[in-house]
mmCIF file of all heavy atoms, coordinates in Angstrom:
data_MODEL
# 
_entry.id   MODEL 
# 
loop_
_atom_site.group_PDB 
_atom_site.id 
_atom_site.type_symbol 
_atom_site.label_atom_id 
_atom_site.label_alt_id 
_atom_site.label_comp_id 
_atom_site.label_asym_id 
_atom_site.label_entity_id 
_atom_site.label_seq_id 
_atom_site.pdbx_PDB_ins_code 
_atom_site.Cartn_x 
_atom_site.Cartn_y 
_atom_site.Cartn_z 
_atom_site.occupancy 
_atom_site.B_iso_or_equiv 
_atom_site.pdbx_formal_charge 
_atom_site.auth_seq_id 
_atom_site.auth_comp_id 
_atom_site.auth_asym_id 
_atom_site.auth_atom_id 
_atom_site.pdbx_PDB_model_num 
ATOM 1   N N   . ARG A 1 1  ? -58.218 -142.731 117.501 1.00 0.00 ? 1  ARG A N   1 
ATOM 2   C CA  . ARG A 1 1  ? -57.365 -141.577 117.256 1.00 0.00 ? 1  ARG A CA  1 
ATOM 3   C C   . ARG A 1 1  ? -56.629 -141.777 115.938 1.00 0.00 ? 1  ARG A C   1 
ATOM 4   O O   . ARG A 1 1  ? -56.179 -142.877 115.636 1.00 0.00 ? 1  ARG A O   1 
ATOM 5   C CB  . ARG A 1 1  ? -56.345 -141.418 118.370 1.00 0.00 ? 1  ARG A CB  1 
ATOM 6   C CG  . ARG A 1 1  ? -55.486 -140.177 118.215 1.00 0.00 ? 1  ARG A CG  1 
ATOM 7   C CD  . ARG A 1 1  ? -54.436 -140.060 119.295 1.00 0.00 ? 1  ARG A CD  1 
ATOM 8   N NE  . ARG A 1 1  ? -53.800 -138.766 119.288 1.00 0.00 ? 1  ARG A NE  1 
ATOM 9   C CZ  . ARG A 1 1  ? -52.920 -138.367 118.375 1.00 0.00 ? 1  ARG A CZ  1 
ATOM 10  N NH1 . ARG A 1 1  ? -52.588 -139.154 117.386 1.00 0.00 ? 1  ARG A NH1 1 
ATOM 11  N NH2 . ARG A 1 1  ? -52.376 -137.163 118.449 1.00 0.00 ? 1  ARG A NH2 1 
ATOM 12  N N   . PRO A 1 2  ? -56.455 -140.712 115.138 1.00 0.00 ? 2  PRO A N   1 
ATOM 13  C CA  . PRO A 1 2  ? -55.605 -140.819 113.954 1.00 0.00 ? 2  PRO A CA  1 
ATOM 14  C C   . PRO A 1 2  ? -54.140 -140.989 114.372 1.00 0.00 ? 2  PRO A C   1 
ATOM 15  O O   . PRO A 1 2  ? -53.696 -140.385 115.350 1.00 0.00 ? 2  PRO A O   1 
ATOM 16  C CB  . PRO A 1 2  ? -55.788 -139.488 113.229 1.00 0.00 ? 2  PRO A CB  1 
ATOM 17  C CG  . PRO A 1 2  ? -56.921 -138.797 113.894 1.00 0.00 ? 2  PRO A CG  1 
ATOM 18  C CD  . PRO A 1 2  ? -57.105 -139.411 115.232 1.00 0.00 ? 2  PRO A CD  1 
ATOM 19  N N   . LEU A 1 3  ? -53.395 -141.828 113.633 1.00 0.00 ? 3  LEU A N   1 
ATOM 20  C CA  . LEU A 1 3  ? -51.963 -141.995 113.873 1.00 0.00 ? 3  LEU A CA  1 
ATOM 21  C C   . LEU A 1 3  ? -51.146 -141.089 112.961 1.00 0.00 ? 3  LEU A C   1 
ATOM 22  O O   . LEU A 1 3  ? -50.104 -140.596 113.356 1.00 0.00 ? 3  LEU A O   1 
ATOM 23  C CB  . LEU A 1 3  ? -51.557 -143.453 113.631 1.00 0.00 ? 3  LEU A CB  1 
ATOM 24  C CG  . LEU A 1 3  ? -52.163 -144.474 114.583 1.00 0.00 ? 3  LEU A CG  1 
ATOM 25  C CD1 . LEU A 1 3  ? -51.809 -145.876 114.130 1.00 0.00 ? 3  LEU A CD1 1 
ATOM 26  C CD2 . LEU A 1 3  ? -51.670 -144.235 116.002 1.00 0.00 ? 3  LEU A CD2 1 
ATOM 27  N N   . ALA A 1 4  ? -51.628 -140.924 111.733 1.00 0.00 ? 4  ALA A N   1 
ATOM 28  C CA  . ALA A 1 4  ? -50.943 -140.067 110.751 1.00 0.00 ? 4  ALA A CA  1 
ATOM 29  C C   . ALA A 1 4  ? -51.984 -139.537 109.783 1.00 0.00 ? 4  ALA A C   1 
ATOM 30  O O   . ALA A 1 4  ? -52.967 -140.214 109.487 1.00 0.00 ? 4  ALA A O   1 
ATOM 31  C CB  . ALA A 1 4  ? -49.885 -140.863 110.000 1.00 0.00 ? 4  ALA A CB  1 
ATOM 32  N N   . GLU A 1 5  ? -51.771 -138.314 109.279 1.00 0.00 ? 5  GLU A N   1 
ATOM 33  C CA  . GLU A 1 5  ? -52.710 -137.705 108.342 1.00 0.00 ? 5  GLU A CA  1 
ATOM 34  C C   . GLU A 1 5  ? -51.951 -137.075 107.162 1.00 0.00 ? 5  GLU A C   1 
ATOM 35  O O   . GLU A 1 5  ? -51.899 -135.863 107.026 1.00 0.00 ? 5  GLU A O   1 
ATOM 36  C CB  . GLU A 1 5  ? -53.560 -136.657 109.050 1.00 0.00 ? 5  GLU A CB  1 
ATOM 37  C CG  . GLU A 1 5  ? -54.435 -137.253 110.130 1.00 0.00 ? 5  GLU A CG  1 
ATOM 38  C CD  . GLU A 1 5  ? -55.403 -136.256 110.730 1.00 0.00 ? 5  GLU A CD  1 
ATOM 39  O OE1 . GLU A 1 5  ? -56.436 -135.988 110.086 1.00 0.00 ? 5  GLU A OE1 1 
ATOM 40  O OE2 . GLU A 1 5  ? -55.109 -135.748 111.818 1.00 0.00 ? 5  GLU A OE2 1 
ATOM 41  N N   . PRO A 1 6  ? -51.378 -137.934 106.282 1.00 0.00 ? 6  PRO A N   1 
ATOM 42  C CA  . PRO A 1 6  ? -50.725 -137.395 105.090 1.00 0.00 ? 6  PRO A CA  1 
ATOM 43  C C   . PRO A 1 6  ? -51.768 -136.824 104.123 1.00 0.00 ? 6  PRO A C   1 
ATOM 44  O O   . PRO A 1 6  ? -52.977 -137.000 104.321 1.00 0.00 ? 6  PRO A O   1 
ATOM 45  C CB  . PRO A 1 6  ? -50.023 -138.617 104.490 1.00 0.00 ? 6  PRO A CB  1 
ATOM 46  C CG  . PRO A 1 6  ? -50.784 -139.784 105.010 1.00 0.00 ? 6  PRO A CG  1 
ATOM 47  C CD  . PRO A 1 6  ? -51.312 -139.388 106.358 1.00 0.00 ? 6  PRO A CD  1 
ATOM 48  N N   . ASP A 1 7  ? -51.326 -136.177 103.064 1.00 0.00 ? 7  ASP A N   1 
ATOM 49  C CA  . ASP A 1 7  ? -52.236 -135.558 102.093 1.00 0.00 ? 7  ASP A CA  1 
ATOM 50  C C   . ASP A 1 7  ? -53.201 -136.561 101.472 1.00 0.00 ? 7  ASP A C   1 
ATOM 51  O O   . ASP A 1 7  ? -54.326 -136.210 101.130 1.00 0.00 ? 7  ASP A O   1 
ATOM 52  C CB  . ASP A 1 7  ? -51.435 -134.879 100.975 1.00 0.00 ? 7  ASP A CB  1 
ATOM 53  C CG  . ASP A 1 7  ? -50.678 -133.670 101.480 1.00 0.00 ? 7  ASP A CG  1 
ATOM 54  O OD1 . ASP A 1 7  ? -51.049 -133.151 102.553 1.00 0.00 ? 7  ASP A OD1 1 
ATOM 55  O OD2 . ASP A 1 7  ? -49.720 -133.259 100.804 1.00 0.00 ? 7  ASP A OD2 1 
ATOM 56  N N   . TRP A 1 8  ? -52.771 -137.793 101.280 1.00 0.00 ? 8  TRP A N   1 
ATOM 57  C CA  . TRP A 1 8  ? -53.587 -138.782 100.579 1.00 0.00 ? 8  TRP A CA  1 
ATOM 58  C C   . TRP A 1 8  ? -54.604 -139.494 101.468 1.00 0.00 ? 8  TRP A C   1 
ATOM 59  O O   . TRP A 1 8  ? -55.416 -140.265 100.996 1.00 0.00 ? 8  TRP A O   1 
ATOM 60  C CB  . TRP A 1 8  ? -52.704 -139.825 99.892  1.00 0.00 ? 8  TRP A CB  1 
ATOM 61  C CG  . TRP A 1 8  ? -51.691 -140.440 100.813 1.00 0.00 ? 8  TRP A CG  1 
ATOM 62  C CD1 . TRP A 1 8  ? -50.399 -140.048 100.971 1.00 0.00 ? 8  TRP A CD1 1 
ATOM 63  C CD2 . TRP A 1 8  ? -51.888 -141.544 101.702 1.00 0.00 ? 8  TRP A CD2 1 
ATOM 64  N NE1 . TRP A 1 8  ? -49.774 -140.835 101.908 1.00 0.00 ? 8  TRP A NE1 1 
ATOM 65  C CE2 . TRP A 1 8  ? -50.669 -141.761 102.373 1.00 0.00 ? 8  TRP A CE2 1 
ATOM 66  C CE3 . TRP A 1 8  ? -52.968 -142.357 102.007 1.00 0.00 ? 8  TRP A CE3 1 
ATOM 67  C CZ2 . TRP A 1 8  ? -50.500 -142.761 103.307 1.00 0.00 ? 8  TRP A CZ2 1 
ATOM 68  C CZ3 . TRP A 1 8  ? -52.811 -143.353 102.945 1.00 0.00 ? 8  TRP A CZ3 1 
ATOM 69  C CH2 . TRP A 1 8  ? -51.579 -143.550 103.589 1.00 0.00 ? 8  TRP A CH2 1 
ATOM 70  N N   . GLY A 1 9  ? -54.570 -139.299 102.799 1.00 0.00 ? 9  GLY A N   1 
ATOM 71  C CA  . GLY A 1 9  ? -55.542 -140.003 103.634 1.00 0.00 ? 9  GLY A CA  1 
ATOM 72  C C   . GLY A 1 9  ? -55.318 -139.824 105.107 1.00 0.00 ? 9  GLY A C   1 
ATOM 73  O O   . GLY A 1 9  ? -54.727 -138.856 105.571 1.00 0.00 ? 9  GLY A O   1 
ATOM 74  N N   . ARG A 1 10 ? -55.804 -140.820 105.852 1.00 0.00 ? 10 ARG A N   1 
ATOM 75  C CA  . ARG A 1 10 ? -55.707 -140.780 107.307 1.00 0.00 ? 10 ARG A CA  1 
ATOM 76  C C   . ARG A 1 10 ? -55.576 -142.213 107.823 1.00 0.00 ? 10 ARG A C   1 
ATOM 77  O O   . ARG A 1 10 ? -56.431 -143.063 107.572 1.00 0.00 ? 10 ARG A O   1 
ATOM 78  C CB  . ARG A 1 10 ? -56.952 -140.121 107.892 1.00 0.00 ? 10 ARG A CB  1 
ATOM 79  C CG  . ARG A 1 10 ? -56.951 -140.026 109.397 1.00 0.00 ? 10 ARG A CG  1 
ATOM 80  C CD  . ARG A 1 10 ? -58.175 -139.287 109.949 1.00 0.00 ? 10 ARG A CD  1 
ATOM 81  N NE  . ARG A 1 10 ? -59.422 -139.951 109.599 1.00 0.00 ? 10 ARG A NE  1 
ATOM 82  C CZ  . ARG A 1 10 ? -60.357 -139.439 108.782 1.00 0.00 ? 10 ARG A CZ  1 
ATOM 83  N NH1 . ARG A 1 10 ? -60.169 -138.269 108.232 1.00 0.00 ? 10 ARG A NH1 1 
ATOM 84  N NH2 . ARG A 1 10 ? -61.455 -140.088 108.519 1.00 0.00 ? 10 ARG A NH2 1 
ATOM 85  N N   . LEU A 1 11 ? -54.505 -142.497 108.566 1.00 0.00 ? 11 LEU A N   1 
ATOM 86  C CA  . LEU A 1 11 ? -54.286 -143.791 109.189 1.00 0.00 ? 11 LEU A CA  1 
ATOM 87  C C   . LEU A 1 11 ? -54.652 -143.653 110.662 1.00 0.00 ? 11 LEU A C   1 
ATOM 88  O O   . LEU A 1 11 ? -54.206 -142.708 111.327 1.00 0.00 ? 11 LEU A O   1 
ATOM 89  C CB  . LEU A 1 11 ? -52.819 -144.203 109.046 1.00 0.00 ? 11 LEU A CB  1 
ATOM 90  C CG  . LEU A 1 11 ? -52.422 -145.537 109.665 1.00 0.00 ? 11 LEU A CG  1 
ATOM 91  C CD1 . LEU A 1 11 ? -53.116 -146.682 108.933 1.00 0.00 ? 11 LEU A CD1 1 
ATOM 92  C CD2 . LEU A 1 11 ? -50.907 -145.706 109.588 1.00 0.00 ? 11 LEU A CD2 1 
ATOM 93  N N   . GLY A 1 12 ? -55.475 -144.576 111.163 1.00 0.00 ? 12 GLY A N   1 
ATOM 94  C CA  . GLY A 1 12 ? -55.925 -144.459 112.545 1.00 0.00 ? 12 GLY A CA  1 
ATOM 95  C C   . GLY A 1 12 ? -56.081 -145.792 113.229 1.00 0.00 ? 12 GLY A C   1 
ATOM 96  O O   . GLY A 1 12 ? -55.990 -146.849 112.606 1.00 0.00 ? 12 GLY A O   1 
ATOM 97  N N   . PHE A 1 13 ? -56.324 -145.750 114.534 1.00 0.00 ? 13 PHE A N   1 
ATOM 98  C CA  . PHE A 1 13 ? -56.575 -146.955 115.304 1.00 0.00 ? 13 PHE A CA  1 
ATOM 99  C C   . PHE A 1 13 ? -57.808 -146.753 116.181 1.00 0.00 ? 13 PHE A C   1 
ATOM 100 O O   . PHE A 1 13 ? -58.229 -145.635 116.449 1.00 0.00 ? 13 PHE A O   1 
ATOM 101 C CB  . PHE A 1 13 ? -55.362 -147.320 116.183 1.00 0.00 ? 13 PHE A CB  1 
ATOM 102 C CG  . PHE A 1 13 ? -55.298 -146.531 117.453 1.00 0.00 ? 13 PHE A CG  1 
ATOM 103 C CD1 . PHE A 1 13 ? -55.839 -147.033 118.631 1.00 0.00 ? 13 PHE A CD1 1 
ATOM 104 C CD2 . PHE A 1 13 ? -54.704 -145.279 117.489 1.00 0.00 ? 13 PHE A CD2 1 
ATOM 105 C CE1 . PHE A 1 13 ? -55.786 -146.298 119.807 1.00 0.00 ? 13 PHE A CE1 1 
ATOM 106 C CE2 . PHE A 1 13 ? -54.640 -144.542 118.664 1.00 0.00 ? 13 PHE A CE2 1 
ATOM 107 C CZ  . PHE A 1 13 ? -55.188 -145.055 119.824 1.00 0.00 ? 13 PHE A CZ  1 
ATOM 108 N N   . ARG A 1 14 ? -58.348 -147.889 116.603 1.00 0.00 ? 14 ARG A N   1 
ATOM 109 C CA  . ARG A 1 14 ? -59.492 -147.853 117.501 1.00 0.00 ? 14 ARG A CA  1 
ATOM 110 C C   . ARG A 1 14 ? -59.426 -149.067 118.419 1.00 0.00 ? 14 ARG A C   1 
ATOM 111 O O   . ARG A 1 14 ? -59.153 -150.176 117.963 1.00 0.00 ? 14 ARG A O   1 
ATOM 112 C CB  . ARG A 1 14 ? -60.792 -147.874 116.691 1.00 0.00 ? 14 ARG A CB  1 
ATOM 113 C CG  . ARG A 1 14 ? -62.039 -147.772 117.526 1.00 0.00 ? 14 ARG A CG  1 
ATOM 114 C CD  . ARG A 1 14 ? -63.254 -147.490 116.686 1.00 0.00 ? 14 ARG A CD  1 
ATOM 115 N NE  . ARG A 1 14 ? -63.590 -148.621 115.845 1.00 0.00 ? 14 ARG A NE  1 
ATOM 116 C CZ  . ARG A 1 14 ? -64.828 -149.014 115.583 1.00 0.00 ? 14 ARG A CZ  1 
ATOM 117 N NH1 . ARG A 1 14 ? -65.846 -148.331 116.062 1.00 0.00 ? 14 ARG A NH1 1 
ATOM 118 N NH2 . ARG A 1 14 ? -65.054 -150.046 114.810 1.00 0.00 ? 14 ARG A NH2 1 
ATOM 119 N N   . VAL A 1 15 ? -59.671 -148.862 119.700 1.00 0.00 ? 15 VAL A N   1 
ATOM 120 C CA  . VAL A 1 15 ? -59.805 -149.931 120.683 1.00 0.00 ? 15 VAL A CA  1 
ATOM 121 C C   . VAL A 1 15 ? -61.276 -149.953 121.067 1.00 0.00 ? 15 VAL A C   1 
ATOM 122 O O   . VAL A 1 15 ? -61.865 -148.905 121.337 1.00 0.00 ? 15 VAL A O   1 
ATOM 123 C CB  . VAL A 1 15 ? -58.927 -149.662 121.923 1.00 0.00 ? 15 VAL A CB  1 
ATOM 124 C CG1 . VAL A 1 15 ? -59.135 -150.739 122.973 1.00 0.00 ? 15 VAL A CG1 1 
ATOM 125 C CG2 . VAL A 1 15 ? -57.461 -149.574 121.530 1.00 0.00 ? 15 VAL A CG2 1 
ATOM 126 N N   . LEU A 1 16 ? -61.881 -151.144 121.057 1.00 0.00 ? 16 LEU A N   1 
ATOM 127 C CA  . LEU A 1 16 ? -63.313 -151.216 121.295 1.00 0.00 ? 16 LEU A CA  1 
ATOM 128 C C   . LEU A 1 16 ? -63.670 -152.418 122.150 1.00 0.00 ? 16 LEU A C   1 
ATOM 129 O O   . LEU A 1 16 ? -62.914 -153.373 122.234 1.00 0.00 ? 16 LEU A O   1 
ATOM 130 C CB  . LEU A 1 16 ? -64.067 -151.282 119.967 1.00 0.00 ? 16 LEU A CB  1 
ATOM 131 C CG  . LEU A 1 16 ? -63.716 -152.458 119.051 1.00 0.00 ? 16 LEU A CG  1 
ATOM 132 C CD1 . LEU A 1 16 ? -64.960 -152.982 118.389 1.00 0.00 ? 16 LEU A CD1 1 
ATOM 133 C CD2 . LEU A 1 16 ? -62.729 -151.993 117.991 1.00 0.00 ? 16 LEU A CD2 1 
ATOM 134 N N   . GLY A 1 17 ? -64.815 -152.341 122.768 1.00 0.00 ? 17 GLY A N   1 
ATOM 135 C CA  . GLY A 1 17 ? -65.293 -153.449 123.577 1.00 0.00 ? 17 GLY A CA  1 
ATOM 136 C C   . GLY A 1 17 ? -66.801 -153.409 123.728 1.00 0.00 ? 17 GLY A C   1 
ATOM 137 O O   . GLY A 1 17 ? -67.434 -152.379 123.493 1.00 0.00 ? 17 GLY A O   1 
ATOM 138 N N   . GLN A 1 18 ? -67.351 -154.563 124.067 1.00 0.00 ? 18 GLN A N   1 
ATOM 139 C CA  . GLN A 1 18 ? -68.796 -154.656 124.272 1.00 0.00 ? 18 GLN A CA  1 
ATOM 140 C C   . GLN A 1 18 ? -69.066 -155.752 125.284 1.00 0.00 ? 18 GLN A C   1 
ATOM 141 O O   . GLN A 1 18 ? -68.375 -156.766 125.317 1.00 0.00 ? 18 GLN A O   1 
ATOM 142 C CB  . GLN A 1 18 ? -69.508 -154.978 122.965 1.00 0.00 ? 18 GLN A CB  1 
ATOM 143 C CG  . GLN A 1 18 ? -71.013 -155.051 123.100 1.00 0.00 ? 18 GLN A CG  1 
ATOM 144 C CD  . GLN A 1 18 ? -71.700 -155.315 121.765 1.00 0.00 ? 18 GLN A CD  1 
ATOM 145 O OE1 . GLN A 1 18 ? -71.173 -156.001 120.905 1.00 0.00 ? 18 GLN A OE1 1 
ATOM 146 N NE2 . GLN A 1 18 ? -72.880 -154.763 121.597 1.00 0.00 ? 18 GLN A NE2 1 
ATOM 147 N N   . LEU A 1 19 ? -70.083 -155.540 126.101 1.00 0.00 ? 19 LEU A N   1 
ATOM 148 C CA  . LEU A 1 19 ? -70.559 -156.596 126.981 1.00 0.00 ? 19 LEU A CA  1 
ATOM 149 C C   . LEU A 1 19 ? -72.060 -156.455 127.131 1.00 0.00 ? 19 LEU A C   1 
ATOM 150 O O   . LEU A 1 19 ? -72.613 -155.373 127.020 1.00 0.00 ? 19 LEU A O   1 
ATOM 151 C CB  . LEU A 1 19 ? -69.858 -156.569 128.340 1.00 0.00 ? 19 LEU A CB  1 
ATOM 152 C CG  . LEU A 1 19 ? -69.942 -155.320 129.194 1.00 0.00 ? 19 LEU A CG  1 
ATOM 153 C CD1 . LEU A 1 19 ? -71.067 -155.441 130.194 1.00 0.00 ? 19 LEU A CD1 1 
ATOM 154 C CD2 . LEU A 1 19 ? -68.625 -155.151 129.929 1.00 0.00 ? 19 LEU A CD2 1 
ATOM 155 N N   . GLY A 1 20 ? -72.677 -157.596 127.334 1.00 0.00 ? 20 GLY A N   1 
ATOM 156 C CA  . GLY A 1 20 ? -74.121 -157.575 127.501 1.00 0.00 ? 20 GLY A CA  1 
ATOM 157 C C   . GLY A 1 20 ? -74.741 -158.925 127.232 1.00 0.00 ? 20 GLY A C   1 
ATOM 158 O O   . GLY A 1 20 ? -74.042 -159.936 127.092 1.00 0.00 ? 20 GLY A O   1 
ATOM 159 N N   . SER A 1 21 ? -76.054 -158.929 127.156 1.00 0.00 ? 21 SER A N   1 
ATOM 160 C CA  . SER A 1 21 ? -76.786 -160.173 126.951 1.00 0.00 ? 21 SER A CA  1 
ATOM 161 C C   . SER A 1 21 ? -78.090 -159.906 126.213 1.00 0.00 ? 21 SER A C   1 
ATOM 162 O O   . SER A 1 21 ? -78.559 -158.776 126.141 1.00 0.00 ? 21 SER A O   1 
ATOM 163 C CB  . SER A 1 21 ? -77.083 -160.833 128.299 1.00 0.00 ? 21 SER A CB  1 
ATOM 164 O OG  . SER A 1 21 ? -77.929 -159.994 129.064 1.00 0.00 ? 21 SER A OG  1 
ATOM 165 N N   . ILE A 1 22 ? -78.639 -160.986 125.674 1.00 0.00 ? 22 ILE A N   1 
ATOM 166 C CA  . ILE A 1 22 ? -79.974 -160.952 125.062 1.00 0.00 ? 22 ILE A CA  1 
ATOM 167 C C   . ILE A 1 22 ? -80.731 -162.156 125.591 1.00 0.00 ? 22 ILE A C   1 
ATOM 168 O O   . ILE A 1 22 ? -80.250 -163.288 125.503 1.00 0.00 ? 22 ILE A O   1 
ATOM 169 C CB  . ILE A 1 22 ? -79.921 -161.032 123.520 1.00 0.00 ? 22 ILE A CB  1 
ATOM 170 C CG1 . ILE A 1 22 ? -79.099 -159.897 122.930 1.00 0.00 ? 22 ILE A CG1 1 
ATOM 171 C CG2 . ILE A 1 22 ? -81.338 -161.011 122.949 1.00 0.00 ? 22 ILE A CG2 1 
ATOM 172 C CD1 . ILE A 1 22 ? -78.961 -159.973 121.418 1.00 0.00 ? 22 ILE A CD1 1 
ATOM 173 N N   . ASP A 1 23 ? -81.894 -161.919 126.166 1.00 0.00 ? 23 ASP A N   1 
ATOM 174 C CA  . ASP A 1 23 ? -82.799 -162.982 126.579 1.00 0.00 ? 23 ASP A CA  1 
ATOM 175 C C   . ASP A 1 23 ? -83.885 -163.079 125.524 1.00 0.00 ? 23 ASP A C   1 
ATOM 176 O O   . ASP A 1 23 ? -84.390 -162.054 125.052 1.00 0.00 ? 23 ASP A O   1 
ATOM 177 C CB  . ASP A 1 23 ? -83.449 -162.661 127.931 1.00 0.00 ? 23 ASP A CB  1 
ATOM 178 C CG  . ASP A 1 23 ? -82.435 -162.520 129.042 1.00 0.00 ? 23 ASP A CG  1 
ATOM 179 O OD1 . ASP A 1 23 ? -81.402 -163.197 128.991 1.00 0.00 ? 23 ASP A OD1 1 
ATOM 180 O OD2 . ASP A 1 23 ? -82.682 -161.722 129.966 1.00 0.00 ? 23 ASP A OD2 1 
ATOM 181 N N   . GLY A 1 24 ? -84.245 -164.317 125.160 1.00 0.00 ? 24 GLY A N   1 
ATOM 182 C CA  . GLY A 1 24 ? -85.293 -164.429 124.154 1.00 0.00 ? 24 GLY A CA  1 
ATOM 183 C C   . GLY A 1 24 ? -85.711 -165.854 123.878 1.00 0.00 ? 24 GLY A C   1 
ATOM 184 O O   . GLY A 1 24 ? -85.144 -166.816 124.394 1.00 0.00 ? 24 GLY A O   1 
# 
């Protein structure tokens, strides 16, 4: 989500995650 959107840009945050596996 953006936190602030002044004329010169956009400040935002993101929360992310991943889980899984690779066999090989």
